[in-house]
Amino acid sequence: MFAYYLRYFNPRLSPRQSERTPASVMVLSQEGLGAMLWSRRQQGWVYDPVGIGRWMAKPENENLYDPISLAEAETRMREITDGREGLPDEATIEWIFQWDGNPPQSEVWE
């Protein structure tokens, strides 16, 4: 249902980071209808299928991400955030994607 990717720091933009240092986890709908990533800058999940799709389509970024399993995505999120944030479960991800990342305020997730 979802594809998970480990995104690395760009060495041109983050020269102090070692090569292939994990920066984020990306979650994409296999139907191509949704995508989100963990934003270090915002310290939270950001729903941005257009931006993520554009970024992944650039040839210069093809070595800056790898497909990973759900289990590895969960482990990497804990590493990237020093245990402060986990990967949302798939039901939550599906709910976020259902609303294009912007659920109505009256919608309550249970």
PDB file of N, CA and C in Angstrom:
ATOM      1  N   MET A   1       0.809  -1.195   0.000  1.00  0.00           N
ATOM      2  CA  MET A   1       0.000   0.000   0.000  1.00  0.00           C
ATOM      3  C   MET A   1       0.862   1.272   0.000  1.00  0.00           C
ATOM      4  N   PHE A   2       1.981   1.229   0.751  1.00  0.00           N
ATOM      5  CA  PHE A   2       2.877   2.382   0.806  1.00  0.00           C
ATOM      6  C   PHE A   2       4.303   1.947   0.497  1.00  0.00           C
ATOM      7  N   ALA A   3       5.058   2.863  -0.055  1.00  0.00           N
ATOM      8  CA  ALA A   3       6.485   2.651  -0.300  1.00  0.00           C
ATOM      9  C   ALA A   3       7.246   3.601   0.623  1.00  0.00           C
ATOM     10  N   TYR A   4       8.325   3.103   1.190  1.00  0.00           N
ATOM     11  CA  TYR A   4       9.129   3.876   2.138  1.00  0.00           C
ATOM     12  C   TYR A   4      10.516   4.091   1.552  1.00  0.00           C
ATOM     13  N   TYR A   5      11.034   5.291   1.780  1.00  0.00           N
ATOM     14  CA  TYR A   5      12.357   5.642   1.268  1.00  0.00           C
ATOM     15  C   TYR A   5      13.153   6.334   2.359  1.00  0.00           C
ATOM     16  N   LEU A   6      14.438   6.032   2.381  1.00  0.00           N
ATOM     17  CA  LEU A   6      15.365   6.734   3.258  1.00  0.00           C
ATOM     18  C   LEU A   6      16.023   7.817   2.420  1.00  0.00           C
ATOM     19  N   ARG A   7      15.907   9.043   2.878  1.00  0.00           N
ATOM     20  CA  ARG A   7      16.467  10.193   2.161  1.00  0.00           C
ATOM     21  C   ARG A   7      17.740  10.624   2.882  1.00  0.00           C
ATOM     22  N   TYR A   8      18.789  10.886   2.110  1.00  0.00           N
ATOM     23  CA  TYR A   8      20.083  11.267   2.661  1.00  0.00           C
ATOM     24  C   TYR A   8      20.318  12.774   2.531  1.00  0.00           C
ATOM     25  N   PHE A   9      21.190  13.282   3.384  1.00  0.00           N
ATOM     26  CA  PHE A   9      21.621  14.675   3.247  1.00  0.00           C
ATOM     27  C   PHE A   9      22.305  14.853   1.905  1.00  0.00           C
ATOM     28  N   ASN A  10      22.098  15.996   1.286  1.00  0.00           N
ATOM     29  CA  ASN A  10      22.772  16.336   0.045  1.00  0.00           C
ATOM     30  C   ASN A  10      24.151  16.875   0.408  1.00  0.00           C
ATOM     31  N   PRO A  11      25.225  16.215  -0.028  1.00  0.00           N
ATOM     32  CA  PRO A  11      26.569  16.667   0.359  1.00  0.00           C
ATOM     33  C   PRO A  11      26.911  18.076  -0.127  1.00  0.00           C
ATOM     34  N   ARG A  12      26.282  18.526  -1.204  1.00  0.00           N
ATOM     35  CA  ARG A  12      26.524  19.897  -1.680  1.00  0.00           C
ATOM     36  C   ARG A  12      25.912  20.922  -0.730  1.00  0.00           C
ATOM     37  N   LEU A  13      24.772  20.573  -0.133  1.00  0.00           N
ATOM     38  CA  LEU A  13      24.067  21.502   0.739  1.00  0.00           C
ATOM     39  C   LEU A  13      24.423  21.317   2.216  1.00  0.00           C
ATOM     40  N   SER A  14      24.908  20.151   2.557  1.00  0.00           N
ATOM     41  CA  SER A  14      25.255  19.835   3.951  1.00  0.00           C
ATOM     42  C   SER A  14      26.654  19.227   3.991  1.00  0.00           C
ATOM     43  N   PRO A  15      27.680  20.025   3.687  1.00  0.00           N
ATOM     44  CA  PRO A  15      29.034  19.461   3.572  1.00  0.00           C
ATOM     45  C   PRO A  15      29.585  18.882   4.876  1.00  0.00           C
ATOM     46  N   ARG A  16      29.015  19.253   6.010  1.00  0.00           N
ATOM     47  CA  ARG A  16      29.508  18.712   7.285  1.00  0.00           C
ATOM     48  C   ARG A  16      28.998  17.308   7.576  1.00  0.00           C
ATOM     49  N   GLN A  17      27.966  16.891   6.846  1.00  0.00           N
ATOM     50  CA  GLN A  17      27.415  15.553   7.047  1.00  0.00           C
ATOM     51  C   GLN A  17      28.228  14.535   6.257  1.00  0.00           C
ATOM     52  N   SER A  18      28.417  13.364   6.836  1.00  0.00           N
ATOM     53  CA  SER A  18      29.089  12.285   6.114  1.00  0.00           C
ATOM     54  C   SER A  18      28.231  11.882   4.920  1.00  0.00           C
ATOM     55  N   GLU A  19      28.895  11.340   3.915  1.00  0.00           N
ATOM     56  CA  GLU A  19      28.162  10.897   2.739  1.00  0.00           C
ATOM     57  C   GLU A  19      27.147   9.822   3.123  1.00  0.00           C
ATOM     58  N   ARG A  20      25.941   9.940   2.568  1.00  0.00           N
ATOM     59  CA  ARG A  20      24.831   9.004   2.781  1.00  0.00           C
ATOM     60  C   ARG A  20      24.376   8.948   4.236  1.00  0.00           C
ATOM     61  N   THR A  21      24.436  10.094   4.901  1.00  0.00           N
ATOM     62  CA  THR A  21      23.877  10.207   6.244  1.00  0.00           C
ATOM     63  C   THR A  21      22.364  10.372   6.130  1.00  0.00           C
ATOM     64  N   PRO A  22      21.580   9.511   6.800  1.00  0.00           N
ATOM     65  CA  PRO A  22      20.130   9.629   6.717  1.00  0.00           C
ATOM     66  C   PRO A  22      19.632  10.969   7.248  1.00  0.00           C
ATOM     67  N   ALA A  23      18.749  11.595   6.486  1.00  0.00           N
ATOM     68  CA  ALA A  23      18.183  12.886   6.868  1.00  0.00           C
ATOM     69  C   ALA A  23      16.690  12.782   7.132  1.00  0.00           C
ATOM     70  N   SER A  24      16.010  11.850   6.453  1.00  0.00           N
ATOM     71  CA  SER A  24      14.564  11.812   6.518  1.00  0.00           C
ATOM     72  C   SER A  24      14.047  10.465   6.046  1.00  0.00           C
ATOM     73  N   VAL A  25      12.793  10.224   6.353  1.00  0.00           N
ATOM     74  CA  VAL A  25      12.060   9.093   5.791  1.00  0.00           C
ATOM     75  C   VAL A  25      10.926   9.686   4.963  1.00  0.00           C
ATOM     76  N   MET A  26      10.732   9.130   3.775  1.00  0.00           N
ATOM     77  CA  MET A  26       9.632   9.539   2.908  1.00  0.00           C
ATOM     78  C   MET A  26       8.653   8.374   2.788  1.00  0.00           C
ATOM     79  N   VAL A  27       7.373   8.695   2.754  1.00  0.00           N
ATOM     80  CA  VAL A  27       6.320   7.698   2.583  1.00  0.00           C
ATOM     81  C   VAL A  27       5.514   8.091   1.349  1.00  0.00           C
ATOM     82  N   LEU A  28       5.403   7.174   0.400  1.00  0.00           N
ATOM     83  CA  LEU A  28       4.659   7.435  -0.826  1.00  0.00           C
ATOM     84  C   LEU A  28       3.562   6.402  -0.992  1.00  0.00           C
ATOM     85  N   SER A  29       2.429   6.845  -1.455  1.00  0.00           N
ATOM     86  CA  SER A  29       1.344   5.945  -1.800  1.00  0.00           C
ATOM     87  C   SER A  29       1.749   5.194  -3.056  1.00  0.00           C
ATOM     88  N   GLN A  30       1.549   3.895  -3.081  1.00  0.00           N
ATOM     89  CA  GLN A  30       1.898   3.128  -4.280  1.00  0.00           C
ATOM     90  C   GLN A  30       0.945   3.440  -5.427  1.00  0.00           C
ATOM     91  N   GLU A  31      -0.205   4.031  -5.119  1.00  0.00           N
ATOM     92  CA  GLU A  31      -1.127   4.477  -6.157  1.00  0.00           C
ATOM     93  C   GLU A  31      -0.721   5.846  -6.696  1.00  0.00           C
ATOM     94  N   GLY A  32       0.290   6.460  -6.098  1.00  0.00           N
ATOM     95  CA  GLY A  32       0.777   7.749  -6.559  1.00  0.00           C
ATOM     96  C   GLY A  32      -0.067   8.934  -6.144  1.00  0.00           C
ATOM     97  N   LEU A  33      -0.917   8.765  -5.137  1.00  0.00           N
ATOM     98  CA  LEU A  33      -1.835   9.839  -4.759  1.00  0.00           C
ATOM     99  C   LEU A  33      -1.391  10.633  -3.541  1.00  0.00           C
ATOM    100  N   GLY A  34      -0.364  10.217  -2.882  1.00  0.00           N
ATOM    101  CA  GLY A  34       0.054  10.937  -1.692  1.00  0.00           C
ATOM    102  C   GLY A  34       1.515  10.686  -1.387  1.00  0.00           C
ATOM    103  N   ALA A  35       2.127  11.646  -0.707  1.00  0.00           N
ATOM    104  CA  ALA A  35       3.510  11.501  -0.280  1.00  0.00           C
ATOM    105  C   ALA A  35       3.776  12.471   0.861  1.00  0.00           C
ATOM    106  N   MET A  36       4.543  12.005   1.823  1.00  0.00           N
ATOM    107  CA  MET A  36       4.939  12.872   2.937  1.00  0.00           C
ATOM    108  C   MET A  36       6.338  12.489   3.378  1.00  0.00           C
ATOM    109  N   LEU A  37       6.959  13.415   4.103  1.00  0.00           N
ATOM    110  CA  LEU A  37       8.293  13.151   4.619  1.00  0.00           C
ATOM    111  C   LEU A  37       8.455  13.804   5.979  1.00  0.00           C
ATOM    112  N   TRP A  38       9.427  13.283   6.722  1.00  0.00           N
ATOM    113  CA  TRP A  38       9.787  13.886   7.997  1.00  0.00           C
ATOM    114  C   TRP A  38      10.679  15.082   7.685  1.00  0.00           C
ATOM    115  N   SER A  39      10.279  16.262   8.134  1.00  0.00           N
ATOM    116  CA  SER A  39      11.043  17.483   7.902  1.00  0.00           C
ATOM    117  C   SER A  39      11.864  17.817   9.135  1.00  0.00           C
ATOM    118  N   ARG A  40      13.179  17.834   8.974  1.00  0.00           N
ATOM    119  CA  ARG A  40      14.056  18.215  10.080  1.00  0.00           C
ATOM    120  C   ARG A  40      13.830  19.681  10.444  1.00  0.00           C
ATOM    121  N   ARG A  41      13.619  20.493   9.442  1.00  0.00           N
ATOM    122  CA  ARG A  41      13.421  21.926   9.669  1.00  0.00           C
ATOM    123  C   ARG A  41      12.148  22.170  10.479  1.00  0.00           C
ATOM    124  N   GLN A  42      11.069  21.500  10.110  1.00  0.00           N
ATOM    125  CA  GLN A  42       9.790  21.717  10.785  1.00  0.00           C
ATOM    126  C   GLN A  42       9.581  20.767  11.967  1.00  0.00           C
ATOM    127  N   GLN A  43      10.475  19.792  12.100  1.00  0.00           N
ATOM    128  CA  GLN A  43      10.360  18.797  13.167  1.00  0.00           C
ATOM    129  C   GLN A  43       8.986  18.138  13.182  1.00  0.00           C
ATOM    130  N   GLY A  44       8.532  17.766  11.987  1.00  0.00           N
ATOM    131  CA  GLY A  44       7.251  17.103  11.859  1.00  0.00           C
ATOM    132  C   GLY A  44       7.060  16.544  10.464  1.00  0.00           C
ATOM    133  N   TRP A  45       5.975  15.829  10.295  1.00  0.00           N
ATOM    134  CA  TRP A  45       5.645  15.253   9.002  1.00  0.00           C
ATOM    135  C   TRP A  45       5.032  16.319   8.108  1.00  0.00           C
ATOM    136  N   VAL A  46       5.469  16.346   6.861  1.00  0.00           N
ATOM    137  CA  VAL A  46       4.982  17.306   5.879  1.00  0.00           C
ATOM    138  C   VAL A  46       4.404  16.529   4.697  1.00  0.00           C
ATOM    139  N   TYR A  47       3.152  16.817   4.380  1.00  0.00           N
ATOM    140  CA  TYR A  47       2.489  16.210   3.234  1.00  0.00           C
ATOM    141  C   TYR A  47       2.788  17.080   2.016  1.00  0.00           C
ATOM    142  N   ASP A  48       3.502  16.521   1.029  1.00  0.00           N
ATOM    143  CA  ASP A  48       3.884  17.314  -0.137  1.00  0.00           C
ATOM    144  C   ASP A  48       4.146  16.401  -1.335  1.00  0.00           C
ATOM    145  N   PRO A  49       3.106  15.780  -1.889  1.00  0.00           N
ATOM    146  CA  PRO A  49       3.338  14.860  -3.007  1.00  0.00           C
ATOM    147  C   PRO A  49       3.962  15.523  -4.232  1.00  0.00           C
ATOM    148  N   VAL A  50       3.605  16.761  -4.517  1.00  0.00           N
ATOM    149  CA  VAL A  50       4.164  17.444  -5.689  1.00  0.00           C
ATOM    150  C   VAL A  50       5.656  17.712  -5.477  1.00  0.00           C
ATOM    151  N   GLY A  51       6.009  18.293  -4.349  1.00  0.00           N
ATOM    152  CA  GLY A  51       7.414  18.604  -4.072  1.00  0.00           C
ATOM    153  C   GLY A  51       8.276  17.360  -3.993  1.00  0.00           C
ATOM    154  N   ILE A  52       7.782  16.326  -3.340  1.00  0.00           N
ATOM    155  CA  ILE A  52       8.545  15.082  -3.209  1.00  0.00           C
ATOM    156  C   ILE A  52       8.713  14.436  -4.579  1.00  0.00           C
ATOM    157  N   GLY A  53       7.646  14.419  -5.371  1.00  0.00           N
ATOM    158  CA  GLY A  53       7.727  13.853  -6.714  1.00  0.00           C
ATOM    159  C   GLY A  53       8.730  14.585  -7.593  1.00  0.00           C
ATOM    160  N   ARG A  54       8.700  15.903  -7.536  1.00  0.00           N
ATOM    161  CA  ARG A  54       9.666  16.700  -8.319  1.00  0.00           C
ATOM    162  C   ARG A  54      11.095  16.416  -7.862  1.00  0.00           C
ATOM    163  N   TRP A  55      11.294  16.368  -6.537  1.00  0.00           N
ATOM    164  CA  TRP A  55      12.627  16.133  -6.000  1.00  0.00           C
ATOM    165  C   TRP A  55      13.145  14.762  -6.433  1.00  0.00           C
ATOM    166  N   MET A  56      12.292  13.741  -6.332  1.00  0.00           N
ATOM    167  CA  MET A  56      12.709  12.386  -6.698  1.00  0.00           C
ATOM    168  C   MET A  56      12.960  12.240  -8.200  1.00  0.00           C
ATOM    169  N   ALA A  57      12.302  13.045  -9.019  1.00  0.00           N
ATOM    170  CA  ALA A  57      12.452  12.947 -10.473  1.00  0.00           C
ATOM    171  C   ALA A  57      13.726  13.597 -10.997  1.00  0.00           C
ATOM    172  N   LYS A  58      14.384  14.406 -10.183  1.00  0.00           N
ATOM    173  CA  LYS A  58      15.606  15.073 -10.634  1.00  0.00           C
ATOM    174  C   LYS A  58      16.764  14.075 -10.666  1.00  0.00           C
ATOM    175  N   PRO A  59      17.441  13.974 -11.811  1.00  0.00           N
ATOM    176  CA  PRO A  59      18.558  13.029 -11.918  1.00  0.00           C
ATOM    177  C   PRO A  59      19.644  13.247 -10.862  1.00  0.00           C
ATOM    178  N   GLU A  60      19.878  14.489 -10.472  1.00  0.00           N
ATOM    179  CA  GLU A  60      20.941  14.766  -9.491  1.00  0.00           C
ATOM    180  C   GLU A  60      20.588  14.264  -8.089  1.00  0.00           C
ATOM    181  N   ASN A  61      19.343  13.883  -7.884  1.00  0.00           N
ATOM    182  CA  ASN A  61      18.935  13.371  -6.567  1.00  0.00           C
ATOM    183  C   ASN A  61      18.820  11.852  -6.515  1.00  0.00           C
ATOM    184  N   GLU A  62      19.057  11.180  -7.635  1.00  0.00           N
ATOM    185  CA  GLU A  62      18.819   9.737  -7.673  1.00  0.00           C
ATOM    186  C   GLU A  62      19.679   8.939  -6.696  1.00  0.00           C
ATOM    187  N   ASN A  63      20.797   9.464  -6.273  1.00  0.00           N
ATOM    188  CA  ASN A  63      21.646   8.772  -5.292  1.00  0.00           C
ATOM    189  C   ASN A  63      21.400   9.258  -3.870  1.00  0.00           C
ATOM    190  N   LEU A  64      20.382  10.089  -3.680  1.00  0.00           N
ATOM    191  CA  LEU A  64      20.121  10.657  -2.356  1.00  0.00           C
ATOM    192  C   LEU A  64      18.941   9.995  -1.648  1.00  0.00           C
ATOM    193  N   TYR A  65      18.464   8.876  -2.170  1.00  0.00           N
ATOM    194  CA  TYR A  65      17.406   8.132  -1.482  1.00  0.00           C
ATOM    195  C   TYR A  65      17.441   6.667  -1.914  1.00  0.00           C
ATOM    196  N   ASP A  66      16.969   5.801  -1.026  1.00  0.00           N
ATOM    197  CA  ASP A  66      16.886   4.367  -1.289  1.00  0.00           C
ATOM    198  C   ASP A  66      15.556   3.832  -0.779  1.00  0.00           C
ATOM    199  N   PRO A  67      14.986   2.845  -1.481  1.00  0.00           N
ATOM    200  CA  PRO A  67      13.787   2.198  -0.953  1.00  0.00           C
ATOM    201  C   PRO A  67      14.153   1.379   0.283  1.00  0.00           C
ATOM    202  N   ILE A  68      13.265   1.378   1.268  1.00  0.00           N
ATOM    203  CA  ILE A  68      13.484   0.613   2.489  1.00  0.00           C
ATOM    204  C   ILE A  68      12.175  -0.071   2.882  1.00  0.00           C
ATOM    205  N   SER A  69      12.283  -1.035   3.763  1.00  0.00           N
ATOM    206  CA  SER A  69      11.101  -1.743   4.251  1.00  0.00           C
ATOM    207  C   SER A  69      10.401  -0.912   5.327  1.00  0.00           C
ATOM    208  N   LEU A  70       9.194  -1.309   5.644  1.00  0.00           N
ATOM    209  CA  LEU A  70       8.461  -0.670   6.733  1.00  0.00           C
ATOM    210  C   LEU A  70       9.244  -0.788   8.039  1.00  0.00           C
ATOM    211  N   ALA A  71       9.773  -1.963   8.323  1.00  0.00           N
ATOM    212  CA  ALA A  71      10.536  -2.170   9.566  1.00  0.00           C
ATOM    213  C   ALA A  71      11.753  -1.248   9.622  1.00  0.00           C
ATOM    214  N   GLU A  72      12.458  -1.112   8.499  1.00  0.00           N
ATOM    215  CA  GLU A  72      13.620  -0.219   8.491  1.00  0.00           C
ATOM    216  C   GLU A  72      13.193   1.237   8.614  1.00  0.00           C
ATOM    217  N   ALA A  73      12.071   1.608   8.007  1.00  0.00           N
ATOM    218  CA  ALA A  73      11.566   2.984   8.124  1.00  0.00           C
ATOM    219  C   ALA A  73      11.282   3.304   9.590  1.00  0.00           C
ATOM    220  N   GLU A  74      10.687   2.372  10.302  1.00  0.00           N
ATOM    221  CA  GLU A  74      10.403   2.583  11.732  1.00  0.00           C
ATOM    222  C   GLU A  74      11.698   2.762  12.525  1.00  0.00           C
ATOM    223  N   THR A  75      12.681   1.920  12.261  1.00  0.00           N
ATOM    224  CA  THR A  75      13.976   2.011  12.952  1.00  0.00           C
ATOM    225  C   THR A  75      14.685   3.315  12.619  1.00  0.00           C
ATOM    226  N   ARG A  76      14.726   3.662  11.344  1.00  0.00           N
ATOM    227  CA  ARG A  76      15.426   4.878  10.918  1.00  0.00           C
ATOM    228  C   ARG A  76      14.786   6.132  11.480  1.00  0.00           C
ATOM    229  N   MET A  77      13.459   6.170  11.587  1.00  0.00           N
ATOM    230  CA  MET A  77      12.796   7.343  12.173  1.00  0.00           C
ATOM    231  C   MET A  77      13.252   7.557  13.615  1.00  0.00           C
ATOM    232  N   ARG A  78      13.359   6.480  14.371  1.00  0.00           N
ATOM    233  CA  ARG A  78      13.826   6.616  15.755  1.00  0.00           C
ATOM    234  C   ARG A  78      15.266   7.127  15.786  1.00  0.00           C
ATOM    235  N   GLU A  79      16.101   6.661  14.848  1.00  0.00           N
ATOM    236  CA  GLU A  79      17.492   7.122  14.778  1.00  0.00           C
ATOM    237  C   GLU A  79      17.567   8.592  14.379  1.00  0.00           C
ATOM    238  N   ILE A  80      16.838   8.959  13.349  1.00  0.00           N
ATOM    239  CA  ILE A  80      16.879  10.324  12.809  1.00  0.00           C
ATOM    240  C   ILE A  80      16.406  11.341  13.848  1.00  0.00           C
ATOM    241  N   THR A  81      15.417  10.966  14.637  1.00  0.00           N
ATOM    242  CA  THR A  81      14.835  11.901  15.605  1.00  0.00           C
ATOM    243  C   THR A  81      15.315  11.646  17.037  1.00  0.00           C
ATOM    244  N   ASP A  82      16.346  10.837  17.196  1.00  0.00           N
ATOM    245  CA  ASP A  82      16.854  10.478  18.530  1.00  0.00           C
ATOM    246  C   ASP A  82      15.731   9.965  19.431  1.00  0.00           C
ATOM    247  N   GLY A  83      14.821   9.196  18.834  1.00  0.00           N
ATOM    248  CA  GLY A  83      13.746   8.576  19.584  1.00  0.00           C
ATOM    249  C   GLY A  83      12.555   9.466  19.898  1.00  0.00           C
ATOM    250  N   ARG A  84      12.577  10.712  19.442  1.00  0.00           N
ATOM    251  CA  ARG A  84      11.479  11.640  19.762  1.00  0.00           C
ATOM    252  C   ARG A  84      10.245  11.448  18.884  1.00  0.00           C
ATOM    253  N   GLU A  85      10.419  10.885  17.711  1.00  0.00           N
ATOM    254  CA  GLU A  85       9.306  10.756  16.775  1.00  0.00           C
ATOM    255  C   GLU A  85       9.389   9.390  16.098  1.00  0.00           C
ATOM    256  N   GLY A  86       8.239   8.777  15.938  1.00  0.00           N
ATOM    257  CA  GLY A  86       8.178   7.508  15.242  1.00  0.00           C
ATOM    258  C   GLY A  86       7.485   7.652  13.906  1.00  0.00           C
ATOM    259  N   LEU A  87       7.453   6.574  13.196  1.00  0.00           N
ATOM    260  CA  LEU A  87       6.736   6.524  11.937  1.00  0.00           C
ATOM    261  C   LEU A  87       5.256   6.339  12.244  1.00  0.00           C
ATOM    262  N   PRO A  88       4.370   7.124  11.646  1.00  0.00           N
ATOM    263  CA  PRO A  88       2.933   6.891  11.864  1.00  0.00           C
ATOM    264  C   PRO A  88       2.558   5.497  11.369  1.00  0.00           C
ATOM    265  N   ASP A  89       1.575   4.883  12.007  1.00  0.00           N
ATOM    266  CA  ASP A  89       1.135   3.576  11.525  1.00  0.00           C
ATOM    267  C   ASP A  89       0.411   3.751  10.187  1.00  0.00           C
ATOM    268  N   GLU A  90       0.240   2.652   9.467  1.00  0.00           N
ATOM    269  CA  GLU A  90      -0.311   2.750   8.119  1.00  0.00           C
ATOM    270  C   GLU A  90      -1.745   3.266   8.093  1.00  0.00           C
ATOM    271  N   ALA A  91      -2.532   2.996   9.132  1.00  0.00           N
ATOM    272  CA  ALA A  91      -3.897   3.531   9.177  1.00  0.00           C
ATOM    273  C   ALA A  91      -3.867   5.057   9.272  1.00  0.00           C
ATOM    274  N   THR A  92      -2.945   5.592  10.057  1.00  0.00           N
ATOM    275  CA  THR A  92      -2.809   7.046  10.177  1.00  0.00           C
ATOM    276  C   THR A  92      -2.325   7.656   8.868  1.00  0.00           C
ATOM    277  N   ILE A  93      -1.363   7.005   8.233  1.00  0.00           N
ATOM    278  CA  ILE A  93      -0.858   7.502   6.945  1.00  0.00           C
ATOM    279  C   ILE A  93      -1.995   7.525   5.922  1.00  0.00           C
ATOM    280  N   GLU A  94      -2.769   6.451   5.875  1.00  0.00           N
ATOM    281  CA  GLU A  94      -3.894   6.391   4.943  1.00  0.00           C
ATOM    282  C   GLU A  94      -4.887   7.516   5.219  1.00  0.00           C
ATOM    283  N   TRP A  95      -5.145   7.794   6.479  1.00  0.00           N
ATOM    284  CA  TRP A  95      -6.066   8.866   6.870  1.00  0.00           C
ATOM    285  C   TRP A  95      -5.525  10.231   6.419  1.00  0.00           C
ATOM    286  N   ILE A  96      -4.247  10.468   6.608  1.00  0.00           N
ATOM    287  CA  ILE A  96      -3.615  11.726   6.180  1.00  0.00           C
ATOM    288  C   ILE A  96      -3.724  11.872   4.664  1.00  0.00           C
ATOM    289  N   PHE A  97      -3.411  10.794   3.941  1.00  0.00           N
ATOM    290  CA  PHE A  97      -3.458  10.838   2.481  1.00  0.00           C
ATOM    291  C   PHE A  97      -4.896  11.020   1.982  1.00  0.00           C
ATOM    292  N   GLN A  98      -5.863  10.444   2.677  1.00  0.00           N
ATOM    293  CA  GLN A  98      -7.269  10.571   2.295  1.00  0.00           C
ATOM    294  C   GLN A  98      -7.692  12.034   2.234  1.00  0.00           C
ATOM    295  N   TRP A  99      -7.138  12.846   3.120  1.00  0.00           N
ATOM    296  CA  TRP A  99      -7.484  14.273   3.194  1.00  0.00           C
ATOM    297  C   TRP A  99      -6.433  15.148   2.513  1.00  0.00           C
ATOM    298  N   ASP A 100      -5.590  14.553   1.697  1.00  0.00           N
ATOM    299  CA  ASP A 100      -4.522  15.308   1.026  1.00  0.00           C
ATOM    300  C   ASP A 100      -3.697  16.110   2.028  1.00  0.00           C
ATOM    301  N   GLY A 101      -3.465  15.514   3.194  1.00  0.00           N
ATOM    302  CA  GLY A 101      -2.631  16.147   4.206  1.00  0.00           C
ATOM    303  C   GLY A 101      -3.305  17.232   5.010  1.00  0.00           C
ATOM    304  N   ASN A 102      -4.586  17.500   4.756  1.00  0.00           N
ATOM    305  CA  ASN A 102      -5.269  18.606   5.429  1.00  0.00           C
ATOM    306  C   ASN A 102      -6.669  18.176   5.877  1.00  0.00           C
ATOM    307  N   PRO A 103      -6.744  17.319   6.925  1.00  0.00           N
ATOM    308  CA  PRO A 103      -8.073  16.890   7.363  1.00  0.00           C
ATOM    309  C   PRO A 103      -8.871  18.039   7.937  1.00  0.00           C
ATOM    310  N   PRO A 104     -10.191  17.992   7.794  1.00  0.00           N
ATOM    311  CA  PRO A 104     -11.007  19.058   8.369  1.00  0.00           C
ATOM    312  C   PRO A 104     -10.873  19.060   9.888  1.00  0.00           C
ATOM    313  N   GLN A 105     -10.978  20.209  10.477  1.00  0.00           N
ATOM    314  CA  GLN A 105     -10.815  20.343  11.923  1.00  0.00           C
ATOM    315  C   GLN A 105     -11.856  19.532  12.689  1.00  0.00           C
ATOM    316  N   SER A 106     -13.011  19.303  12.091  1.00  0.00           N
ATOM    317  CA  SER A 106     -14.059  18.556  12.780  1.00  0.00           C
ATOM    318  C   SER A 106     -13.828  17.047  12.719  1.00  0.00           C
ATOM    319  N   GLU A 107     -12.937  16.612  11.838  1.00  0.00           N
ATOM    320  CA  GLU A 107     -12.628  15.190  11.704  1.00  0.00           C
ATOM    321  C   GLU A 107     -11.765  14.758  12.891  1.00  0.00           C
ATOM    322  N   VAL A 108     -12.197  13.722  13.574  1.00  0.00           N
ATOM    323  CA  VAL A 108     -11.472  13.238  14.737  1.00  0.00           C
ATOM    324  C   VAL A 108     -10.923  11.864  14.414  1.00  0.00           C
ATOM    325  N   TRP A 109      -9.639  11.687  14.617  1.00  0.00           N
ATOM    326  CA  TRP A 109      -8.992  10.402  14.388  1.00  0.00           C
ATOM    327  C   TRP A 109      -9.072   9.588  15.671  1.00  0.00           C
ATOM    328  N   GLU A 110      -9.592   8.372  15.553  1.00  0.00           N
ATOM    329  CA  GLU A 110      -9.688   7.501  16.725  1.00  0.00           C
ATOM    330  C   GLU A 110      -8.919   6.247  16.494  1.00  0.00           C
TER     331      GLU A 110
END
